[in-house]
Protein backbone atom coordinates (compact mmCIF):
# COMPACT_ATOMS: atom_id res chain seq x y z
CA MET A 1 -124.38 175.18 115.48
CA PHE A 2 -122.77 175.74 112.18
CA ARG A 3 -122.87 179.44 112.50
CA THR A 4 -121.14 178.81 116.11
CA ILE A 5 -118.66 176.78 114.65
CA ILE A 6 -117.64 179.44 111.59
CA PHE A 7 -117.54 182.11 114.45
CA SER A 8 -115.36 180.20 116.57
CA LEU A 9 -112.87 179.66 113.94
CA GLY A 10 -113.26 183.38 112.81
CA ILE A 11 -112.23 184.46 116.38
CA LEU A 12 -109.42 181.83 116.35
CA PHE A 13 -107.98 182.96 113.04
CA LEU A 14 -108.13 186.72 114.22
CA PHE A 15 -106.69 185.94 117.50
CA SER A 16 -103.89 183.92 115.79
CA SER A 17 -103.16 186.76 113.06
CA CYS A 18 -103.17 189.54 115.87
CA GLN A 19 -100.33 187.10 117.68
CA GLU A 20 -98.35 186.58 114.62
CA ILE A 21 -98.43 190.28 113.78
CA LYS A 22 -96.85 191.19 117.55
CA GLU A 23 -94.05 188.95 116.64
CA PHE A 24 -92.97 191.31 114.07
CA ARG A 25 -92.04 193.85 116.66
CA GLY A 26 -88.57 194.24 117.62
CA GLU A 27 -85.29 194.16 115.67
CA TRP A 28 -84.49 192.26 112.43
CA ARG A 29 -81.38 192.11 110.40
CA GLY A 30 -80.27 190.45 107.17
CA GLY A 31 -77.56 190.99 104.58
CA ILE A 32 -77.70 191.93 101.01
CA LYS A 33 -78.63 189.10 98.36
CA GLN A 34 -75.15 188.65 96.71
CA THR A 35 -75.83 188.58 93.17
CA ARG A 36 -75.23 191.58 90.92
CA LEU A 37 -78.83 190.83 89.11
CA VAL A 38 -80.52 192.04 91.98
CA ARG A 39 -78.00 194.64 93.63
CA LYS A 40 -77.00 198.00 92.63
CA GLY A 41 -75.34 200.65 94.38
CA LEU A 42 -75.33 198.69 97.45
CA ASP A 43 -72.19 197.34 99.09
CA VAL A 44 -71.81 193.49 99.03
CA CYS A 45 -71.20 193.78 102.80
CA SER A 46 -74.38 195.42 103.55
CA VAL A 47 -76.66 194.17 106.28
CA LEU A 48 -79.99 196.08 106.68
CA VAL A 49 -81.06 196.57 110.38
CA LEU A 50 -84.96 197.27 110.43
CA ASP A 51 -86.29 198.14 114.11
CA ILE A 52 -90.09 197.85 114.37
CA ARG A 53 -91.74 199.50 117.34
CA ASP A 54 -95.41 198.81 116.01
CA VAL A 55 -96.99 197.06 113.00
CA SER A 56 -100.32 196.18 111.56
CA SER A 57 -101.50 195.81 108.24
CA SER A 58 -102.18 199.46 107.83
CA THR A 59 -99.52 200.93 110.04
CA LEU A 60 -95.73 200.81 110.53
CA ASP A 61 -93.28 202.50 112.92
CA ALA A 62 -89.98 201.85 112.44
CA SER A 63 -86.72 202.57 111.31
CA ILE A 64 -83.89 201.20 109.35
CA ARG A 65 -80.13 201.37 108.86
CA PHE A 66 -77.30 199.88 106.97
CA GLU A 67 -74.19 198.15 108.83
CA ARG A 68 -71.33 196.37 107.47
CA ASN A 69 -71.22 192.63 107.70
CA PRO A 70 -68.32 191.69 109.71
CA ASP A 71 -68.06 188.19 108.27
CA MET A 72 -67.60 189.34 104.74
CA PRO A 73 -63.69 188.68 103.65
CA SER A 74 -63.86 191.93 101.26
CA CYS A 75 -66.41 194.55 100.27
CA SER A 76 -67.35 196.30 97.01
CA ALA A 77 -64.20 198.32 97.38
CA ASP A 78 -62.20 195.29 96.97
CA ILE A 79 -64.04 193.85 94.21
CA PRO A 80 -62.82 194.33 90.57
CA ASP A 81 -65.75 195.97 88.11
CA GLU A 82 -68.23 196.39 91.17
CA ASP A 83 -70.80 199.26 90.66
CA PRO A 84 -70.15 202.47 92.93
CA VAL A 85 -71.71 202.11 96.36
CA VAL A 86 -74.28 204.81 96.90
CA ILE A 87 -74.97 204.22 100.88
CA SER A 88 -71.91 204.23 103.39
CA LEU A 89 -71.70 201.67 105.73
CA PRO A 90 -72.41 202.03 108.70
CA SER A 91 -75.38 204.68 107.64
CA GLU A 92 -77.53 206.76 109.95
CA ASN A 93 -80.48 205.29 111.45
CA ALA A 94 -83.64 206.63 109.68
CA ASP A 95 -87.28 206.40 110.51
CA ILE A 96 -89.46 205.00 107.79
CA GLU A 97 -92.22 207.37 106.23
CA GLU A 98 -95.27 205.43 105.52
CA ILE A 99 -97.30 205.98 102.18
CA HIS A 100 -100.71 206.03 103.51
CA GLU A 101 -102.47 206.14 100.25
CA TYR A 102 -100.32 203.23 99.24
CA LEU A 103 -102.30 200.99 101.67
CA ASN A 104 -105.70 202.00 100.08
CA ASP A 105 -104.53 200.98 96.74
CA ALA A 106 -104.61 197.17 95.15
CA LEU A 107 -100.90 197.32 95.12
CA SER A 108 -100.82 197.20 99.24
CA GLY A 109 -101.73 193.52 98.22
CA MET A 110 -99.23 192.63 96.09
CA SER A 111 -97.71 189.02 96.61
CA PHE A 112 -94.14 188.13 96.26
CA GLU A 113 -92.56 184.63 96.90
CA GLY A 114 -93.40 183.48 100.25
CA ASP A 115 -97.11 184.81 100.05
CA PRO A 116 -96.84 187.90 102.43
CA LEU A 117 -99.43 188.65 104.90
CA PHE A 118 -99.18 192.39 103.82
CA THR A 119 -96.68 194.63 102.21
CA HIS A 120 -95.74 198.04 103.13
CA LEU A 121 -94.45 200.64 100.50
CA ALA A 122 -92.78 203.78 102.52
CA TRP A 123 -89.76 206.07 102.24
CA VAL A 124 -86.63 206.54 104.05
CA THR A 125 -83.94 209.44 103.85
CA ILE A 126 -80.41 208.33 104.46
CA ASP A 127 -77.46 210.24 103.39
CA ALA A 128 -79.50 212.99 102.01
CA ARG A 129 -81.18 210.53 99.69
CA THR A 130 -84.89 209.59 99.63
CA ILE A 131 -84.95 205.65 99.26
CA GLY A 132 -88.18 203.49 98.33
CA VAL A 133 -88.62 200.65 100.83
CA VAL A 134 -90.82 198.02 100.12
CA ILE A 135 -91.41 195.57 103.22
CA SER A 136 -93.19 192.44 102.97
CA PHE A 137 -94.13 190.48 106.00
CA LEU A 138 -94.25 186.78 105.62
CA ARG A 139 -95.45 183.80 108.07
CA GLY A 140 -92.83 182.31 110.23
CA PRO A 141 -92.46 185.27 110.92
CA LYS A 142 -90.07 186.42 108.21
CA ILE A 143 -89.49 189.78 106.70
CA ASN A 144 -88.06 190.52 103.19
CA VAL A 145 -87.00 194.32 102.14
CA ARG A 146 -86.63 195.61 98.84
CA ILE A 147 -84.55 198.90 98.56
CA VAL A 148 -85.50 201.12 95.61
CA SER A 149 -84.37 204.26 94.06
CA PRO A 150 -82.64 205.46 90.99
CA GLY A 151 -79.05 203.60 90.94
CA LEU A 152 -80.02 201.54 94.07
CA TYR A 153 -81.52 198.04 94.47
CA GLY A 154 -81.19 195.57 96.57
CA VAL A 155 -82.98 192.52 98.20
CA PHE A 156 -82.53 191.45 101.94
CA ARG A 157 -84.02 188.78 103.91
CA LEU A 158 -84.50 189.34 107.64
CA GLU A 159 -84.42 187.28 110.68
CA LYS A 160 -85.25 188.26 113.76
CA SER A 161 -82.19 189.48 116.17
CA ASN A 162 -82.04 187.86 119.61
């Protein structure tokens, strides 16, 4: 009886986890975190668009692009003492290249705020520049993306587009 209950709970957890992962498919977008303490080389008007075609804890088929937030009254070029912008807005659309070896490393289980279900480390090439992308998938569902490259850093909190 006890084994049956444990088995049933395991199946229920597995089904709910699979359903939750399917909810990540589609288009996600979010603006950059505004503070200069966690933003370098990205325009204060940057919006990241992440289009997820398929995802699991071990695979990712997706692309990203940067757009301009039309609701921002002024962008980095209008702000005194702002760092130079490296990625032009809007950017080209670029496919994400997964780092499969990363998924076999302990880093794939790294945890950020919000206790991610899983985190992918990947590369993308935009404006002839290779950029590291750290994508954390959180319950809710929610997605946080960190852009990492020499002279370039930003944190984006994404919401699913309607």
